[in-house]
Amino acid sequence: MTTKEQLLQELEQASEDLIEATLGFLRSAKADRQNTSTSEASSDNPLLSLLAEFDEFAANMPADEVARLPIDGAQQHDHYLYGTAKRKS
C-alpha cells in the first residue's frame, strides 16, 4: 500500500475536525515547499516575492472563508472599498 493510499484510508476514519486540521497542515507544508523553491528567484524580483506571499496566504485560507468572498469584486470594487451603492450589471 502506498503512502497516499494509507493517508486516504486514515482520512476515511478521521473526524471532520482532524480532516480540517490535516488539510491546513498540508496546505501550509505545500506553501513552505513552494516558498523554499522560489525564494531564490523571488529575492531578485519584488513582484515574484509579493506573488509568493499572496499564494501562501491564499493557500492557507479555510474553504468557508473563500466561499464568503464576493465574486463581483472587480466590477463592484467601489462598493467593497468605499461603501458606495453597487453598480447595475
C-alpha atoms as a PDB file:
ATOM      1  CA  MET A   1       0.000   0.000   0.000  1.00  0.00           C
ATOM      2  CA  THR A   2       1.399   3.388  -0.985  1.00  0.00           C
ATOM      3  CA  THR A   3       1.733   6.278   1.436  1.00  0.00           C
ATOM      4  CA  LYS A   4      -1.050   8.116  -0.386  1.00  0.00           C
ATOM      5  CA  GLU A   5      -3.362   5.108  -0.027  1.00  0.00           C
ATOM      6  CA  GLN A   6      -2.533   4.878   3.683  1.00  0.00           C
ATOM      7  CA  LEU A   7      -3.297   8.565   4.133  1.00  0.00           C
ATOM      8  CA  LEU A   8      -6.622   8.234   2.316  1.00  0.00           C
ATOM      9  CA  GLN A   9      -7.511   5.233   4.484  1.00  0.00           C
ATOM     10  CA  GLU A  10      -6.760   7.221   7.646  1.00  0.00           C
ATOM     11  CA  LEU A  11      -8.798  10.173   6.384  1.00  0.00           C
ATOM     12  CA  GLU A  12     -11.815   7.958   5.823  1.00  0.00           C
ATOM     13  CA  GLN A  13     -11.794   7.094   9.522  1.00  0.00           C
ATOM     14  CA  ALA A  14     -10.936  10.567  10.888  1.00  0.00           C
ATOM     15  CA  SER A  15     -13.268  13.151  12.394  1.00  0.00           C
ATOM     16  CA  GLU A  16     -14.136  16.288  10.450  1.00  0.00           C
ATOM     17  CA  ASP A  17     -12.048  18.431  12.832  1.00  0.00           C
ATOM     18  CA  LEU A  18      -9.000  16.252  12.265  1.00  0.00           C
ATOM     19  CA  ILE A  19      -9.528  16.323   8.495  1.00  0.00           C
ATOM     20  CA  GLU A  20      -9.701  20.146   8.535  1.00  0.00           C
ATOM     21  CA  ALA A  21      -6.528  20.346  10.633  1.00  0.00           C
ATOM     22  CA  THR A  22      -4.781  17.910   8.304  1.00  0.00           C
ATOM     23  CA  LEU A  23      -5.838  19.924   5.262  1.00  0.00           C
ATOM     24  CA  GLY A  24      -4.497  23.103   6.849  1.00  0.00           C
ATOM     25  CA  PHE A  25      -1.199  21.393   7.627  1.00  0.00           C
ATOM     26  CA  LEU A  26      -0.912  20.001   4.099  1.00  0.00           C
ATOM     27  CA  ARG A  27      -1.581  23.404   2.528  1.00  0.00           C
ATOM     28  CA  SER A  28       0.953  25.030   4.843  1.00  0.00           C
ATOM     29  CA  ALA A  29       3.570  22.393   4.038  1.00  0.00           C
ATOM     30  CA  LYS A  30       2.969  22.834   0.295  1.00  0.00           C
ATOM     31  CA  ALA A  31       3.297  26.613   0.610  1.00  0.00           C
ATOM     32  CA  ASP A  32       6.518  26.241   2.615  1.00  0.00           C
ATOM     33  CA  ARG A  33       7.948  23.903  -0.004  1.00  0.00           C
ATOM     34  CA  GLN A  34       6.926  26.253  -2.811  1.00  0.00           C
ATOM     35  CA  ASN A  35       8.406  29.248  -0.985  1.00  0.00           C
ATOM     36  CA  THR A  36      11.664  27.367  -0.487  1.00  0.00           C
ATOM     37  CA  SER A  37      11.907  26.547  -4.185  1.00  0.00           C
ATOM     38  CA  THR A  38      11.001  30.072  -5.339  1.00  0.00           C
ATOM     39  CA  SER A  39      12.808  32.071  -2.672  1.00  0.00           C
ATOM     40  CA  GLU A  40      15.991  32.439  -4.717  1.00  0.00           C
ATOM     41  CA  ALA A  41      14.133  33.693  -7.784  1.00  0.00           C
ATOM     42  CA  SER A  42      11.807  35.960  -5.827  1.00  0.00           C
ATOM     43  CA  SER A  43      14.606  37.576  -3.828  1.00  0.00           C
ATOM     44  CA  ASP A  44      15.783  39.214  -7.074  1.00  0.00           C
ATOM     45  CA  ASN A  45      12.289  40.226  -8.158  1.00  0.00           C
ATOM     46  CA  PRO A  46       9.999  42.006  -5.644  1.00  0.00           C
ATOM     47  CA  LEU A  47       6.910  41.214  -7.727  1.00  0.00           C
ATOM     48  CA  LEU A  48       7.607  37.468  -7.555  1.00  0.00           C
ATOM     49  CA  SER A  49       8.157  37.807  -3.823  1.00  0.00           C
ATOM     50  CA  LEU A  50       4.803  39.547  -3.402  1.00  0.00           C
ATOM     51  CA  LEU A  51       3.044  36.938  -5.533  1.00  0.00           C
ATOM     52  CA  ALA A  52       4.624  34.130  -3.495  1.00  0.00           C
ATOM     53  CA  GLU A  53       3.338  35.755  -0.291  1.00  0.00           C
ATOM     54  CA  PHE A  54      -0.138  36.041  -1.804  1.00  0.00           C
ATOM     55  CA  ASP A  55      -0.060  32.385  -2.874  1.00  0.00           C
ATOM     56  CA  GLU A  56       0.884  31.343   0.654  1.00  0.00           C
ATOM     57  CA  PHE A  57      -1.890  33.479   2.139  1.00  0.00           C
ATOM     58  CA  ALA A  58      -4.474  32.113  -0.283  1.00  0.00           C
ATOM     59  CA  ALA A  59      -3.372  28.508   0.246  1.00  0.00           C
ATOM     60  CA  ASN A  60      -3.966  28.828   3.981  1.00  0.00           C
ATOM     61  CA  MET A  61      -7.457  30.315   3.749  1.00  0.00           C
ATOM     62  CA  PRO A  62     -10.181  27.998   5.062  1.00  0.00           C
ATOM     63  CA  ALA A  63     -12.722  26.913   2.464  1.00  0.00           C
ATOM     64  CA  ASP A  64     -15.621  28.557   4.320  1.00  0.00           C
ATOM     65  CA  GLU A  65     -13.855  31.933   4.161  1.00  0.00           C
ATOM     66  CA  VAL A  66     -13.154  31.522   0.451  1.00  0.00           C
ATOM     67  CA  ALA A  67     -16.842  30.735  -0.098  1.00  0.00           C
ATOM     68  CA  ARG A  68     -17.811  34.057   1.547  1.00  0.00           C
ATOM     69  CA  LEU A  69     -15.631  36.169  -0.750  1.00  0.00           C
ATOM     70  CA  PRO A  70     -17.521  38.317  -3.260  1.00  0.00           C
ATOM     71  CA  ILE A  71     -17.494  37.050  -6.822  1.00  0.00           C
ATOM     72  CA  ASP A  72     -18.089  40.511  -8.286  1.00  0.00           C
ATOM     73  CA  GLY A  73     -15.152  42.246  -6.598  1.00  0.00           C
ATOM     74  CA  ALA A  74     -13.617  43.597  -9.777  1.00  0.00           C
ATOM     75  CA  GLN A  75     -16.866  45.052 -11.114  1.00  0.00           C
ATOM     76  CA  GLN A  76     -18.026  46.385  -7.739  1.00  0.00           C
ATOM     77  CA  HIS A  77     -14.698  47.465  -6.214  1.00  0.00           C
ATOM     78  CA  ASP A  78     -16.018  50.917  -5.239  1.00  0.00           C
ATOM     79  CA  HIS A  79     -18.814  49.258  -3.283  1.00  0.00           C
ATOM     80  CA  TYR A  80     -16.444  46.959  -1.367  1.00  0.00           C
ATOM     81  CA  LEU A  81     -13.730  49.588  -0.813  1.00  0.00           C
ATOM     82  CA  TYR A  82     -15.773  52.740  -0.177  1.00  0.00           C
ATOM     83  CA  GLY A  83     -19.299  51.547   0.560  1.00  0.00           C
ATOM     84  CA  THR A  84     -20.893  53.145  -2.488  1.00  0.00           C
ATOM     85  CA  ALA A  85     -24.019  51.649  -3.980  1.00  0.00           C
ATOM     86  CA  LYS A  86     -23.470  48.686  -6.240  1.00  0.00           C
ATOM     87  CA  ARG A  87     -23.476  49.462  -9.953  1.00  0.00           C
ATOM     88  CA  LYS A  88     -26.029  47.759 -12.169  1.00  0.00           C
ATOM     89  CA  SER A  89     -24.527  44.930 -14.204  1.00  0.00           C
END
